[in-house]
Amino acid sequence: MLEINERIEERTDASSTSLTLPFEQRQKSRLR
């Protein structure tokens, strides 16, 4: 169970970062 939870967390972290990075870049470009 713990191993599965850790794997899920890694997946969510990777997916969240991939989604948030481009989003932040878009806002930065908009501010400019």
N, C-alpha and C. Protein backbone atom coordinates (compact mmCIF):
# COMPACT_ATOMS: atom_id res chain seq x y z
N MET A 1 0.85 -1.21 0.00
CA MET A 1 0.00 0.00 0.00
C MET A 1 0.89 1.26 0.00
N LEU A 2 1.85 1.29 0.89
CA LEU A 2 2.70 2.48 0.96
C LEU A 2 3.44 2.69 -0.36
N GLU A 3 3.96 1.61 -0.92
CA GLU A 3 4.69 1.74 -2.20
C GLU A 3 3.78 2.29 -3.28
N ILE A 4 2.54 1.83 -3.32
CA ILE A 4 1.59 2.31 -4.34
C ILE A 4 1.33 3.80 -4.12
N ASN A 5 1.15 4.20 -2.87
CA ASN A 5 0.89 5.62 -2.59
C ASN A 5 2.07 6.47 -3.04
N GLU A 6 3.27 6.01 -2.77
CA GLU A 6 4.46 6.76 -3.19
C GLU A 6 4.50 6.91 -4.70
N ARG A 7 4.17 5.84 -5.40
CA ARG A 7 4.18 5.89 -6.87
C ARG A 7 3.14 6.89 -7.36
N ILE A 8 1.96 6.88 -6.73
CA ILE A 8 0.90 7.82 -7.14
C ILE A 8 1.37 9.25 -6.90
N GLU A 9 2.01 9.49 -5.76
CA GLU A 9 2.49 10.84 -5.45
C GLU A 9 3.49 11.29 -6.50
N GLU A 10 4.39 10.39 -6.89
CA GLU A 10 5.38 10.75 -7.91
C GLU A 10 4.69 11.10 -9.22
N ARG A 11 3.67 10.33 -9.58
CA ARG A 11 2.95 10.61 -10.82
C ARG A 11 2.25 11.96 -10.74
N THR A 12 1.58 12.23 -9.61
CA THR A 12 0.86 13.50 -9.46
C THR A 12 1.85 14.66 -9.48
N ASP A 13 3.00 14.50 -8.81
CA ASP A 13 4.00 15.57 -8.80
C ASP A 13 4.48 15.86 -10.22
N ALA A 14 4.79 14.83 -10.97
CA ALA A 14 5.29 15.01 -12.34
C ALA A 14 4.22 15.67 -13.20
N SER A 15 2.98 15.19 -13.09
CA SER A 15 1.90 15.74 -13.91
C SER A 15 1.61 17.18 -13.49
N SER A 16 1.63 17.45 -12.18
CA SER A 16 1.33 18.80 -11.70
C SER A 16 2.41 19.78 -12.16
N THR A 17 3.67 19.37 -12.07
CA THR A 17 4.75 20.27 -12.49
C THR A 17 4.67 20.53 -13.99
N SER A 18 4.40 19.50 -14.77
CA SER A 18 4.32 19.66 -16.23
C SER A 18 3.15 20.59 -16.59
N LEU A 19 2.11 20.61 -15.75
CA LEU A 19 0.95 21.45 -16.06
C LEU A 19 1.16 22.87 -15.53
N THR A 20 1.81 23.00 -14.37
CA THR A 20 1.98 24.31 -13.76
C THR A 20 3.09 25.10 -14.45
N LEU A 21 4.15 24.44 -14.91
CA LEU A 21 5.26 25.16 -15.54
C LEU A 21 4.79 25.96 -16.75
N PRO A 22 4.13 25.36 -17.73
CA PRO A 22 3.66 26.12 -18.89
C PRO A 22 2.65 27.18 -18.48
N PHE A 23 1.86 26.90 -17.46
CA PHE A 23 0.86 27.87 -17.01
C PHE A 23 1.55 29.12 -16.46
N GLU A 24 2.61 28.91 -15.66
CA GLU A 24 3.35 30.05 -15.12
C GLU A 24 4.00 30.84 -16.25
N GLN A 25 4.56 30.14 -17.23
CA GLN A 25 5.20 30.82 -18.36
C GLN A 25 4.17 31.67 -19.10
N ARG A 26 2.96 31.17 -19.24
CA ARG A 26 1.92 31.94 -19.94
C ARG A 26 1.62 33.22 -19.18
N GLN A 27 1.47 33.12 -17.85
CA GLN A 27 1.17 34.32 -17.05
C GLN A 27 2.32 35.31 -17.17
N LYS A 28 3.55 34.82 -17.11
CA LYS A 28 4.70 35.72 -17.21
C LYS A 28 4.68 36.45 -18.55
N SER A 29 4.39 35.72 -19.61
CA SER A 29 4.36 36.34 -20.94
C SER A 29 3.23 37.37 -20.99
N ARG A 30 2.12 37.08 -20.30
CA ARG A 30 1.00 38.02 -20.31
C ARG A 30 1.37 39.29 -19.56
N LEU A 31 2.07 39.13 -18.42
CA LEU A 31 2.47 40.31 -17.64
C LEU A 31 3.36 41.20 -18.49
N ARG A 32 4.26 40.60 -19.28
CA ARG A 32 5.15 41.39 -20.13
C ARG A 32 4.34 42.00 -21.25
